Each structure stands twice: as structure tokens, then as C-alpha cells.
Amino acid sequence: MMTESVFCPEDLSQDEQDLFWMQRAYQLAQQSELQGEVPVGAVIVKGDELIAEGWNRPIQNHDPTAHAEIMALQAAGKRLENYRLIDTTLYVTLEPCPMCAAAMVHARVARVVYAADDLKTGAATSAFQLLNSPQLNHQVNIVAGVMASECSQLLSDFFKMRRDSKKREKILRQKNPQKNVGDA
């Protein structure tokens, strides 16, 4: 959890600010990975100040909704003492899923900046377009691709490591089959 105020330097262009905050989200994604979670990090900014941050914790929290964005949205609501997060920007290392996108719309987040596309479940521009759907009563401005290469690589490396680990476990089980209790 945040313990200190963090501000973006005032003299940066919008692109430079986006990079500054995405680097913070990337650090949180790395933290998530160290905890055995899918490496996704998110920060919420209002003006030039960091309001809240979050990282994936569904495994650790036994909660399928504990995505980085949801954790950050909850923290921001508590910090601002309001469920409406007007004039905020949410930075996240992976394109939001439908659940997270809907929460951002309900919270009235103004802008979402994400790094890596999620071609299977992304709800900003890839699989779905929920954040700027005209059927909803709020649309969120979207910026995609900030630090896409780095964040995509972090995710790819994580899932490759996970697949390799499962292969090793399978080979070990085949080499050392456990006898069932009733076997002779």
C-alpha cells in the first residue's frame, strides 16, 4: 500500500507523463510476479498525484475479482472518499478485462492508459470495446501501447516459466508414480 505522496514532475509532456506512471505500474506488475500472481500492475492518478495503486492478487486473496485495476479502484475510492473517480487516469500494464472495464465506467474514470493488448479478453480495443461503448452512460478515453513491449515480455516470460514448471512436474510424476492406497 502507498505510504507517501508521489507526484509526476510538472515539466513533462503528456506522453512523458504516461511513461512516468506506466513505469510505476510496471514495478507493481513485477511485485505481483514475485508473489506468484500474473504480473499486472495499475496506478490511478489525479492531476499529477498518485492516488492509488494495485497489483494482481486473486490467488493470494482467494478472490477472482482481485485484479490490479479493481485493487487500485478500491484504494482510490477510499482515498478520495468517493466511489466516483472523476478526472482520474488509470494506468495498467495489460488491457483491462470486461469486469475491470465495467468498474472503470461505473467509477467515471476519465482516461485509461494501458500497455499490452489482451487479444482474448481485452475490453478496451481488442476483443471488446466496453470503455467507449455508446450504449453506456460514460465513455473512457483510451491510450494504448505505452511500454507495450516491456509489459508484453514480462507476461510472456511469466507464462513460459509457468508452462515449463508444469512440464517438469508432469515428468516427475511420470518418473515417480504414487501408489494408490489399495494397490499391492
N, C-alpha and C. Protein backbone atom coordinates (compact mmCIF):
# COMPACT_ATOMS: atom_id res chain seq x y z
N MET A 1 0.82 -1.19 0.00
CA MET A 1 0.00 0.00 0.00
C MET A 1 0.87 1.26 0.00
N MET A 2 0.31 2.33 -0.50
CA MET A 2 1.05 3.59 -0.57
C MET A 2 1.23 4.17 0.82
N THR A 3 2.41 4.69 1.07
CA THR A 3 2.67 5.35 2.34
C THR A 3 3.12 6.79 2.15
N GLU A 4 3.48 7.15 0.95
CA GLU A 4 3.99 8.50 0.69
C GLU A 4 3.30 9.09 -0.53
N SER A 5 3.29 10.40 -0.62
CA SER A 5 2.74 11.04 -1.81
C SER A 5 3.76 10.98 -2.93
N VAL A 6 3.27 10.66 -4.11
CA VAL A 6 4.13 10.60 -5.29
C VAL A 6 3.53 11.53 -6.33
N PHE A 7 4.38 12.38 -6.90
CA PHE A 7 3.94 13.34 -7.90
C PHE A 7 4.78 13.16 -9.16
N CYS A 8 4.17 13.45 -10.28
CA CYS A 8 4.87 13.45 -11.56
C CYS A 8 5.53 14.82 -11.73
N PRO A 9 6.75 14.86 -12.24
CA PRO A 9 7.38 16.17 -12.50
C PRO A 9 6.49 17.02 -13.40
N GLU A 10 6.41 18.30 -13.09
CA GLU A 10 5.48 19.22 -13.77
C GLU A 10 5.84 19.53 -15.21
N ASP A 11 7.10 19.45 -15.57
CA ASP A 11 7.53 19.91 -16.88
C ASP A 11 7.47 18.83 -17.97
N LEU A 12 6.79 17.73 -17.73
CA LEU A 12 6.73 16.64 -18.70
C LEU A 12 5.55 16.81 -19.66
N SER A 13 5.76 16.38 -20.91
CA SER A 13 4.65 16.34 -21.87
C SER A 13 3.68 15.23 -21.46
N GLN A 14 2.52 15.17 -22.09
CA GLN A 14 1.55 14.12 -21.75
C GLN A 14 2.15 12.73 -22.03
N ASP A 15 2.84 12.56 -23.13
CA ASP A 15 3.48 11.27 -23.44
C ASP A 15 4.51 10.91 -22.38
N GLU A 16 5.27 11.88 -21.92
CA GLU A 16 6.28 11.63 -20.89
C GLU A 16 5.62 11.30 -19.54
N GLN A 17 4.51 11.97 -19.24
CA GLN A 17 3.76 11.64 -18.02
C GLN A 17 3.22 10.22 -18.08
N ASP A 18 2.69 9.85 -19.24
CA ASP A 18 2.17 8.49 -19.41
C ASP A 18 3.27 7.47 -19.18
N LEU A 19 4.44 7.73 -19.69
CA LEU A 19 5.58 6.83 -19.49
C LEU A 19 5.98 6.78 -18.02
N PHE A 20 6.03 7.93 -17.37
CA PHE A 20 6.39 8.01 -15.95
C PHE A 20 5.48 7.12 -15.11
N TRP A 21 4.16 7.24 -15.31
CA TRP A 21 3.21 6.48 -14.50
C TRP A 21 3.18 5.01 -14.89
N MET A 22 3.39 4.71 -16.18
CA MET A 22 3.40 3.31 -16.59
C MET A 22 4.61 2.59 -16.01
N GLN A 23 5.71 3.30 -15.85
CA GLN A 23 6.88 2.69 -15.20
C GLN A 23 6.54 2.29 -13.77
N ARG A 24 5.76 3.09 -13.09
CA ARG A 24 5.31 2.76 -11.73
C ARG A 24 4.42 1.51 -11.76
N ALA A 25 3.49 1.46 -12.71
CA ALA A 25 2.61 0.30 -12.85
C ALA A 25 3.43 -0.96 -13.16
N TYR A 26 4.47 -0.81 -13.97
CA TYR A 26 5.35 -1.93 -14.32
C TYR A 26 6.05 -2.47 -13.07
N GLN A 27 6.50 -1.59 -12.20
CA GLN A 27 7.13 -2.03 -10.94
C GLN A 27 6.14 -2.84 -10.10
N LEU A 28 4.89 -2.43 -10.09
CA LEU A 28 3.86 -3.17 -9.35
C LEU A 28 3.60 -4.53 -10.00
N ALA A 29 3.66 -4.58 -11.33
CA ALA A 29 3.50 -5.86 -12.02
C ALA A 29 4.63 -6.81 -11.63
N GLN A 30 5.83 -6.29 -11.54
CA GLN A 30 6.96 -7.12 -11.11
C GLN A 30 6.74 -7.63 -9.68
N GLN A 31 6.22 -6.78 -8.82
CA GLN A 31 5.90 -7.17 -7.45
C GLN A 31 4.86 -8.30 -7.45
N SER A 32 3.86 -8.17 -8.30
CA SER A 32 2.83 -9.19 -8.42
C SER A 32 3.44 -10.53 -8.82
N GLU A 33 4.35 -10.49 -9.76
CA GLU A 33 5.01 -11.72 -10.21
C GLU A 33 5.80 -12.37 -9.07
N LEU A 34 6.48 -11.57 -8.28
CA LEU A 34 7.25 -12.11 -7.15
C LEU A 34 6.34 -12.82 -6.14
N GLN A 35 5.07 -12.43 -6.11
CA GLN A 35 4.10 -13.05 -5.21
C GLN A 35 3.39 -14.24 -5.85
N GLY A 36 3.84 -14.64 -7.06
CA GLY A 36 3.25 -15.78 -7.74
C GLY A 36 1.99 -15.48 -8.51
N GLU A 37 1.68 -14.22 -8.68
CA GLU A 37 0.49 -13.79 -9.40
C GLU A 37 0.84 -13.41 -10.83
N VAL A 38 -0.15 -13.39 -11.71
CA VAL A 38 0.06 -12.89 -13.07
C VAL A 38 0.53 -11.45 -12.96
N PRO A 39 1.65 -11.10 -13.63
CA PRO A 39 2.25 -9.78 -13.43
C PRO A 39 1.49 -8.63 -14.11
N VAL A 40 0.54 -8.07 -13.38
CA VAL A 40 -0.20 -6.90 -13.84
C VAL A 40 -0.20 -5.89 -12.70
N GLY A 41 0.10 -4.64 -13.03
CA GLY A 41 0.10 -3.56 -12.07
C GLY A 41 -0.73 -2.39 -12.57
N ALA A 42 -1.28 -1.61 -11.64
CA ALA A 42 -2.12 -0.46 -12.01
C ALA A 42 -1.92 0.68 -11.03
N VAL A 43 -1.98 1.89 -11.55
CA VAL A 43 -1.95 3.08 -10.71
C VAL A 43 -3.06 4.03 -11.17
N ILE A 44 -3.57 4.81 -10.22
CA ILE A 44 -4.58 5.82 -10.53
C ILE A 44 -4.03 7.17 -10.13
N VAL A 45 -4.14 8.10 -11.06
CA VAL A 45 -3.56 9.43 -10.91
C VAL A 45 -4.66 10.47 -11.06
N LYS A 46 -4.57 11.52 -10.24
CA LYS A 46 -5.45 12.68 -10.41
C LYS A 46 -4.55 13.90 -10.48
N GLY A 47 -4.63 14.60 -11.59
CA GLY A 47 -3.67 15.69 -11.82
C GLY A 47 -2.30 15.10 -11.98
N ASP A 48 -1.37 15.55 -11.16
CA ASP A 48 -0.01 15.00 -11.23
C ASP A 48 0.32 14.14 -10.01
N GLU A 49 -0.74 13.73 -9.23
CA GLU A 49 -0.52 12.99 -8.00
C GLU A 49 -1.02 11.55 -8.10
N LEU A 50 -0.22 10.65 -7.59
CA LEU A 50 -0.62 9.25 -7.47
C LEU A 50 -1.67 9.14 -6.37
N ILE A 51 -2.85 8.63 -6.70
CA ILE A 51 -3.95 8.49 -5.75
C ILE A 51 -3.99 7.09 -5.16
N ALA A 52 -3.76 6.08 -6.01
CA ALA A 52 -3.86 4.69 -5.56
C ALA A 52 -3.09 3.79 -6.50
N GLU A 53 -2.79 2.60 -6.00
CA GLU A 53 -2.12 1.61 -6.83
C GLU A 53 -2.62 0.22 -6.46
N GLY A 54 -2.40 -0.71 -7.36
CA GLY A 54 -2.81 -2.09 -7.10
C GLY A 54 -2.04 -3.03 -8.00
N TRP A 55 -2.03 -4.29 -7.61
CA TRP A 55 -1.42 -5.33 -8.42
C TRP A 55 -2.28 -6.57 -8.27
N ASN A 56 -2.13 -7.50 -9.20
CA ASN A 56 -2.94 -8.71 -9.17
C ASN A 56 -2.76 -9.47 -7.88
N ARG A 57 -3.89 -9.89 -7.28
CA ARG A 57 -3.85 -10.68 -6.05
C ARG A 57 -4.96 -11.73 -5.95
N PRO A 58 -5.50 -12.22 -7.07
CA PRO A 58 -6.60 -13.18 -6.93
C PRO A 58 -6.21 -14.48 -6.23
N ILE A 59 -5.01 -14.99 -6.48
CA ILE A 59 -4.58 -16.24 -5.86
C ILE A 59 -4.38 -16.02 -4.37
N GLN A 60 -3.61 -15.02 -4.04
CA GLN A 60 -3.28 -14.70 -2.64
C GLN A 60 -4.52 -14.35 -1.82
N ASN A 61 -5.47 -13.63 -2.43
CA ASN A 61 -6.67 -13.20 -1.71
C ASN A 61 -7.83 -14.18 -1.84
N HIS A 62 -7.65 -15.24 -2.63
CA HIS A 62 -8.74 -16.18 -2.89
C HIS A 62 -9.97 -15.42 -3.40
N ASP A 63 -9.73 -14.53 -4.36
CA ASP A 63 -10.78 -13.63 -4.83
C ASP A 63 -10.61 -13.43 -6.34
N PRO A 64 -11.52 -13.96 -7.14
CA PRO A 64 -11.39 -13.81 -8.59
C PRO A 64 -11.50 -12.37 -9.08
N THR A 65 -11.99 -11.47 -8.24
CA THR A 65 -12.11 -10.06 -8.65
C THR A 65 -10.89 -9.22 -8.27
N ALA A 66 -9.89 -9.81 -7.65
CA ALA A 66 -8.74 -9.04 -7.14
C ALA A 66 -7.72 -8.74 -8.23
N HIS A 67 -8.21 -8.22 -9.35
CA HIS A 67 -7.33 -7.77 -10.43
C HIS A 67 -6.66 -6.46 -10.02
N ALA A 68 -5.56 -6.15 -10.65
CA ALA A 68 -4.80 -4.94 -10.33
C ALA A 68 -5.68 -3.69 -10.39
N GLU A 69 -6.50 -3.60 -11.43
CA GLU A 69 -7.34 -2.42 -11.61
C GLU A 69 -8.38 -2.30 -10.49
N ILE A 70 -8.99 -3.41 -10.12
CA ILE A 70 -10.00 -3.41 -9.07
C ILE A 70 -9.37 -3.00 -7.73
N MET A 71 -8.19 -3.55 -7.46
CA MET A 71 -7.50 -3.19 -6.21
C MET A 71 -7.20 -1.69 -6.18
N ALA A 72 -6.76 -1.15 -7.32
CA ALA A 72 -6.46 0.29 -7.40
C ALA A 72 -7.74 1.12 -7.29
N LEU A 73 -8.82 0.70 -7.95
CA LEU A 73 -10.08 1.43 -7.87
C LEU A 73 -10.61 1.47 -6.44
N GLN A 74 -10.53 0.35 -5.74
CA GLN A 74 -10.99 0.32 -4.35
C GLN A 74 -10.17 1.26 -3.48
N ALA A 75 -8.86 1.22 -3.66
CA ALA A 75 -7.98 2.10 -2.86
C ALA A 75 -8.24 3.57 -3.18
N ALA A 76 -8.47 3.87 -4.46
CA ALA A 76 -8.73 5.26 -4.85
C ALA A 76 -10.04 5.76 -4.26
N GLY A 77 -11.08 4.92 -4.27
CA GLY A 77 -12.36 5.30 -3.67
C GLY A 77 -12.21 5.63 -2.20
N LYS A 78 -11.43 4.82 -1.49
CA LYS A 78 -11.21 5.08 -0.05
C LYS A 78 -10.41 6.35 0.14
N ARG A 79 -9.39 6.53 -0.68
CA ARG A 79 -8.53 7.72 -0.54
C ARG A 79 -9.31 9.01 -0.82
N LEU A 80 -10.14 8.99 -1.86
CA LEU A 80 -10.91 10.18 -2.23
C LEU A 80 -12.24 10.27 -1.49
N GLU A 81 -12.56 9.20 -0.75
CA GLU A 81 -13.84 9.11 -0.05
C GLU A 81 -15.02 9.33 -0.99
N ASN A 82 -14.92 8.65 -2.14
CA ASN A 82 -15.97 8.77 -3.15
C ASN A 82 -15.84 7.60 -4.11
N TYR A 83 -16.95 7.01 -4.49
CA TYR A 83 -16.89 5.93 -5.47
C TYR A 83 -16.76 6.46 -6.90
N ARG A 84 -17.01 7.72 -7.09
CA ARG A 84 -16.81 8.37 -8.39
C ARG A 84 -15.38 8.90 -8.44
N LEU A 85 -14.66 8.48 -9.43
CA LEU A 85 -13.24 8.87 -9.57
C LEU A 85 -13.10 9.83 -10.75
N ILE A 86 -13.85 10.92 -10.66
CA ILE A 86 -13.90 11.94 -11.71
C ILE A 86 -12.50 12.50 -11.96
N ASP A 87 -12.19 12.75 -13.23
CA ASP A 87 -10.93 13.38 -13.64
C ASP A 87 -9.69 12.57 -13.25
N THR A 88 -9.82 11.26 -13.18
CA THR A 88 -8.66 10.41 -12.90
C THR A 88 -8.21 9.68 -14.15
N THR A 89 -6.96 9.25 -14.12
CA THR A 89 -6.40 8.40 -15.17
C THR A 89 -5.92 7.12 -14.52
N LEU A 90 -6.29 6.00 -15.11
CA LEU A 90 -5.84 4.70 -14.63
C LEU A 90 -4.81 4.16 -15.61
N TYR A 91 -3.64 3.81 -15.11
CA TYR A 91 -2.56 3.23 -15.90
C TYR A 91 -2.47 1.75 -15.53
N VAL A 92 -2.44 0.88 -16.53
CA VAL A 92 -2.37 -0.56 -16.26
C VAL A 92 -1.51 -1.24 -17.31
N THR A 93 -0.78 -2.26 -16.90
CA THR A 93 0.20 -2.90 -17.78
C THR A 93 -0.43 -3.87 -18.78
N LEU A 94 -1.69 -4.25 -18.59
CA LEU A 94 -2.39 -5.14 -19.51
C LEU A 94 -3.78 -4.57 -19.77
N GLU A 95 -4.23 -4.65 -21.00
CA GLU A 95 -5.56 -4.16 -21.36
C GLU A 95 -6.61 -4.72 -20.40
N PRO A 96 -7.48 -3.86 -19.88
CA PRO A 96 -8.48 -4.31 -18.90
C PRO A 96 -9.43 -5.36 -19.47
N CYS A 97 -9.85 -6.27 -18.59
CA CYS A 97 -10.85 -7.29 -18.93
C CYS A 97 -12.25 -6.64 -18.83
N PRO A 98 -13.30 -7.33 -19.24
CA PRO A 98 -14.64 -6.75 -19.15
C PRO A 98 -15.05 -6.34 -17.72
N MET A 99 -14.70 -7.14 -16.72
CA MET A 99 -15.05 -6.79 -15.34
C MET A 99 -14.41 -5.46 -14.94
N CYS A 100 -13.11 -5.34 -15.21
CA CYS A 100 -12.40 -4.12 -14.81
C CYS A 100 -12.87 -2.92 -15.62
N ALA A 101 -13.12 -3.13 -16.91
CA ALA A 101 -13.60 -2.04 -17.76
C ALA A 101 -14.95 -1.52 -17.25
N ALA A 102 -15.84 -2.43 -16.89
CA ALA A 102 -17.15 -2.01 -16.37
C ALA A 102 -16.99 -1.23 -15.06
N ALA A 103 -16.09 -1.66 -14.21
CA ALA A 103 -15.86 -0.93 -12.95
C ALA A 103 -15.33 0.48 -13.23
N MET A 104 -14.48 0.62 -14.23
CA MET A 104 -13.95 1.94 -14.58
C MET A 104 -15.05 2.85 -15.09
N VAL A 105 -15.96 2.30 -15.89
CA VAL A 105 -17.09 3.08 -16.39
C VAL A 105 -17.96 3.52 -15.22
N HIS A 106 -18.28 2.62 -14.31
CA HIS A 106 -19.11 2.96 -13.16
C HIS A 106 -18.44 3.99 -12.26
N ALA A 107 -17.11 3.92 -12.17
CA ALA A 107 -16.37 4.88 -11.34
C ALA A 107 -16.17 6.22 -12.03
N ARG A 108 -16.49 6.29 -13.30
CA ARG A 108 -16.33 7.51 -14.10
C ARG A 108 -14.86 7.91 -14.27
N VAL A 109 -13.99 6.92 -14.40
CA VAL A 109 -12.59 7.19 -14.71
C VAL A 109 -12.57 7.92 -16.06
N ALA A 110 -11.79 8.98 -16.16
CA ALA A 110 -11.76 9.78 -17.38
C ALA A 110 -10.93 9.15 -18.49
N ARG A 111 -9.84 8.50 -18.11
CA ARG A 111 -8.85 8.08 -19.10
C ARG A 111 -8.18 6.79 -18.62
N VAL A 112 -7.97 5.87 -19.55
CA VAL A 112 -7.23 4.65 -19.27
C VAL A 112 -6.06 4.58 -20.23
N VAL A 113 -4.88 4.33 -19.66
CA VAL A 113 -3.67 4.14 -20.44
C VAL A 113 -3.20 2.73 -20.14
N TYR A 114 -3.11 1.90 -21.18
CA TYR A 114 -2.64 0.54 -20.94
C TYR A 114 -1.48 0.21 -21.87
N ALA A 115 -0.74 -0.81 -21.47
CA ALA A 115 0.47 -1.20 -22.20
C ALA A 115 0.17 -2.29 -23.23
N ALA A 116 0.04 -3.52 -22.75
CA ALA A 116 -0.08 -4.68 -23.63
C ALA A 116 -1.53 -4.97 -23.99
N ASP A 117 -1.76 -5.29 -25.26
CA ASP A 117 -3.08 -5.73 -25.70
C ASP A 117 -3.38 -7.11 -25.13
N ASP A 118 -4.65 -7.37 -24.84
CA ASP A 118 -5.11 -8.70 -24.45
C ASP A 118 -6.10 -9.14 -25.53
N LEU A 119 -5.60 -9.87 -26.50
CA LEU A 119 -6.40 -10.22 -27.67
C LEU A 119 -7.58 -11.14 -27.36
N LYS A 120 -7.50 -11.88 -26.26
CA LYS A 120 -8.59 -12.82 -25.92
C LYS A 120 -9.69 -12.18 -25.08
N THR A 121 -9.32 -11.35 -24.11
CA THR A 121 -10.35 -10.81 -23.21
C THR A 121 -10.26 -9.30 -23.01
N GLY A 122 -9.44 -8.62 -23.76
CA GLY A 122 -9.31 -7.17 -23.61
C GLY A 122 -10.61 -6.45 -23.92
N ALA A 123 -10.98 -5.52 -23.05
CA ALA A 123 -12.27 -4.84 -23.19
C ALA A 123 -12.13 -3.35 -23.52
N ALA A 124 -10.94 -2.94 -23.96
CA ALA A 124 -10.74 -1.54 -24.37
C ALA A 124 -10.79 -1.44 -25.90
N THR A 125 -9.93 -2.21 -26.56
CA THR A 125 -9.87 -2.14 -28.02
C THR A 125 -9.74 -3.49 -28.71
N SER A 126 -9.39 -4.54 -27.99
CA SER A 126 -9.07 -5.82 -28.63
C SER A 126 -10.28 -6.70 -28.87
N ALA A 127 -10.70 -7.46 -27.85
CA ALA A 127 -11.82 -8.38 -28.00
C ALA A 127 -13.17 -7.66 -27.88
N PHE A 128 -13.22 -6.66 -27.01
CA PHE A 128 -14.45 -5.89 -26.78
C PHE A 128 -14.09 -4.40 -26.73
N GLN A 129 -15.07 -3.55 -26.87
CA GLN A 129 -14.86 -2.11 -26.78
C GLN A 129 -15.83 -1.53 -25.75
N LEU A 130 -15.70 -1.98 -24.50
CA LEU A 130 -16.62 -1.52 -23.46
C LEU A 130 -16.33 -0.11 -22.96
N LEU A 131 -15.06 0.27 -22.93
CA LEU A 131 -14.70 1.55 -22.33
C LEU A 131 -15.27 2.76 -23.06
N ASN A 132 -15.48 2.61 -24.36
CA ASN A 132 -16.04 3.74 -25.10
C ASN A 132 -17.31 3.35 -25.86
N SER A 133 -18.04 2.41 -25.30
CA SER A 133 -19.28 1.95 -25.92
C SER A 133 -20.36 3.03 -25.83
N PRO A 134 -20.99 3.36 -26.94
CA PRO A 134 -22.05 4.38 -26.92
C PRO A 134 -23.31 3.92 -26.18
N GLN A 135 -23.43 2.60 -25.91
CA GLN A 135 -24.57 2.10 -25.17
C GLN A 135 -24.48 2.42 -23.67
N LEU A 136 -23.30 2.75 -23.20
CA LEU A 136 -23.11 3.04 -21.78
C LEU A 136 -23.21 4.53 -21.53
N ASN A 137 -23.48 4.88 -20.27
CA ASN A 137 -23.70 6.29 -19.93
C ASN A 137 -22.41 7.06 -19.67
N HIS A 138 -21.26 6.41 -19.79
CA HIS A 138 -19.96 7.08 -19.63
C HIS A 138 -18.96 6.40 -20.55
N GLN A 139 -18.18 7.20 -21.24
CA GLN A 139 -17.13 6.67 -22.08
C GLN A 139 -15.79 7.10 -21.51
N VAL A 140 -14.82 6.21 -21.63
CA VAL A 140 -13.48 6.44 -21.10
C VAL A 140 -12.53 6.65 -22.27
N ASN A 141 -11.73 7.69 -22.21
CA ASN A 141 -10.71 7.89 -23.24
C ASN A 141 -9.63 6.83 -23.08
N ILE A 142 -9.11 6.33 -24.19
CA ILE A 142 -8.17 5.22 -24.18
C ILE A 142 -6.88 5.60 -24.87
N VAL A 143 -5.76 5.27 -24.23
CA VAL A 143 -4.44 5.36 -24.85
C VAL A 143 -3.83 3.97 -24.71
N ALA A 144 -3.44 3.38 -25.82
CA ALA A 144 -2.89 2.03 -25.80
C ALA A 144 -1.44 2.02 -26.24
N GLY A 145 -0.68 1.07 -25.71
CA GLY A 145 0.66 0.80 -26.21
C GLY A 145 1.82 1.44 -25.47
N VAL A 146 1.57 2.14 -24.37
CA VAL A 146 2.67 2.75 -23.61
C VAL A 146 3.43 1.62 -22.90
N MET A 147 4.68 1.44 -23.23
CA MET A 147 5.54 0.35 -22.70
C MET A 147 4.99 -1.03 -23.07
N ALA A 148 4.36 -1.13 -24.22
CA ALA A 148 3.75 -2.40 -24.64
C ALA A 148 4.77 -3.52 -24.73
N SER A 149 5.92 -3.24 -25.29
CA SER A 149 6.94 -4.28 -25.48
C SER A 149 7.41 -4.85 -24.15
N GLU A 150 7.75 -3.98 -23.20
CA GLU A 150 8.25 -4.42 -21.90
C GLU A 150 7.20 -5.21 -21.13
N CYS A 151 5.98 -4.70 -21.13
CA CYS A 151 4.91 -5.36 -20.37
C CYS A 151 4.51 -6.68 -21.02
N SER A 152 4.47 -6.72 -22.34
CA SER A 152 4.18 -7.98 -23.04
C SER A 152 5.24 -9.02 -22.75
N GLN A 153 6.50 -8.59 -22.75
CA GLN A 153 7.59 -9.51 -22.47
C GLN A 153 7.51 -10.06 -21.05
N LEU A 154 7.18 -9.22 -20.09
CA LEU A 154 7.03 -9.66 -18.70
C LEU A 154 5.96 -10.74 -18.60
N LEU A 155 4.83 -10.53 -19.26
CA LEU A 155 3.75 -11.51 -19.24
C LEU A 155 4.16 -12.79 -19.97
N SER A 156 4.77 -12.66 -21.13
CA SER A 156 5.21 -13.84 -21.89
C SER A 156 6.20 -14.67 -21.09
N ASP A 157 7.16 -14.02 -20.48
CA ASP A 157 8.16 -14.74 -19.67
C ASP A 157 7.50 -15.45 -18.49
N PHE A 158 6.53 -14.79 -17.85
CA PHE A 158 5.83 -15.39 -16.72
C PHE A 158 5.10 -16.66 -17.14
N PHE A 159 4.34 -16.58 -18.24
CA PHE A 159 3.58 -17.75 -18.66
C PHE A 159 4.47 -18.86 -19.21
N LYS A 160 5.60 -18.51 -19.83
CA LYS A 160 6.55 -19.53 -20.27
C LYS A 160 7.13 -20.24 -19.06
N MET A 161 7.50 -19.50 -18.04
CA MET A 161 8.03 -20.10 -16.82
C MET A 161 6.98 -21.02 -16.18
N ARG A 162 5.75 -20.59 -16.16
CA ARG A 162 4.67 -21.40 -15.58
C ARG A 162 4.47 -22.69 -16.38
N ARG A 163 4.46 -22.60 -17.71
CA ARG A 163 4.32 -23.80 -18.55
C ARG A 163 5.49 -24.76 -18.33
N ASP A 164 6.71 -24.22 -18.30
CA ASP A 164 7.89 -25.05 -18.09
C ASP A 164 7.83 -25.76 -16.74
N SER A 165 7.37 -25.07 -15.72
CA SER A 165 7.25 -25.65 -14.39
C SER A 165 6.25 -26.80 -14.38
N LYS A 166 5.11 -26.61 -15.05
CA LYS A 166 4.10 -27.67 -15.13
C LYS A 166 4.63 -28.88 -15.89
N LYS A 167 5.42 -28.65 -16.95
CA LYS A 167 6.02 -29.76 -17.69
C LYS A 167 6.97 -30.55 -16.80
N ARG A 168 7.79 -29.85 -16.03
CA ARG A 168 8.72 -30.53 -15.11
C ARG A 168 7.96 -31.36 -14.08
N GLU A 169 6.89 -30.79 -13.54
CA GLU A 169 6.08 -31.52 -12.56
C GLU A 169 5.49 -32.78 -13.17
N LYS A 170 5.01 -32.69 -14.40
CA LYS A 170 4.41 -33.84 -15.08
C LYS A 170 5.45 -34.93 -15.30
N ILE A 171 6.65 -34.55 -15.72
CA ILE A 171 7.72 -35.52 -15.94
C ILE A 171 8.08 -36.21 -14.62
N LEU A 172 8.18 -35.44 -13.54
CA LEU A 172 8.49 -36.03 -12.23
C LEU A 172 7.41 -37.01 -11.79
N ARG A 173 6.14 -36.68 -12.03
CA ARG A 173 5.05 -37.59 -11.66
C ARG A 173 5.12 -38.88 -12.47
N GLN A 174 5.51 -38.77 -13.75
CA GLN A 174 5.61 -39.96 -14.59
C GLN A 174 6.78 -40.84 -14.16
N LYS A 175 7.86 -40.22 -13.72
CA LYS A 175 9.03 -40.98 -13.27
C LYS A 175 8.80 -41.62 -11.91
N ASN A 176 8.04 -40.96 -11.05
CA ASN A 176 7.78 -41.44 -9.70
C ASN A 176 6.29 -41.52 -9.43
N PRO A 177 5.61 -42.47 -10.06
CA PRO A 177 4.15 -42.55 -9.84
C PRO A 177 3.85 -42.92 -8.39
N GLN A 178 2.88 -42.26 -7.82
CA GLN A 178 2.46 -42.55 -6.45
C GLN A 178 1.55 -43.76 -6.47
N LYS A 179 1.77 -44.68 -5.55
CA LYS A 179 0.90 -45.83 -5.44
C LYS A 179 -0.38 -45.42 -4.72
N ASN A 180 -1.49 -45.90 -5.23
CA ASN A 180 -2.75 -45.66 -4.55
C ASN A 180 -2.81 -46.51 -3.30
N VAL A 181 -3.59 -46.13 -2.32
CA VAL A 181 -3.67 -46.79 -1.03
C VAL A 181 -4.02 -48.27 -1.19
N GLY A 182 -4.93 -48.65 -2.08
CA GLY A 182 -5.36 -50.04 -2.24
C GLY A 182 -4.46 -50.90 -3.10
N ASP A 183 -3.41 -50.34 -3.68
CA ASP A 183 -2.52 -51.11 -4.57
C ASP A 183 -1.65 -52.07 -3.78
N ALA A 184 -1.35 -53.20 -4.41
CA ALA A 184 -0.49 -54.20 -3.76
C ALA A 184 0.97 -53.95 -4.05
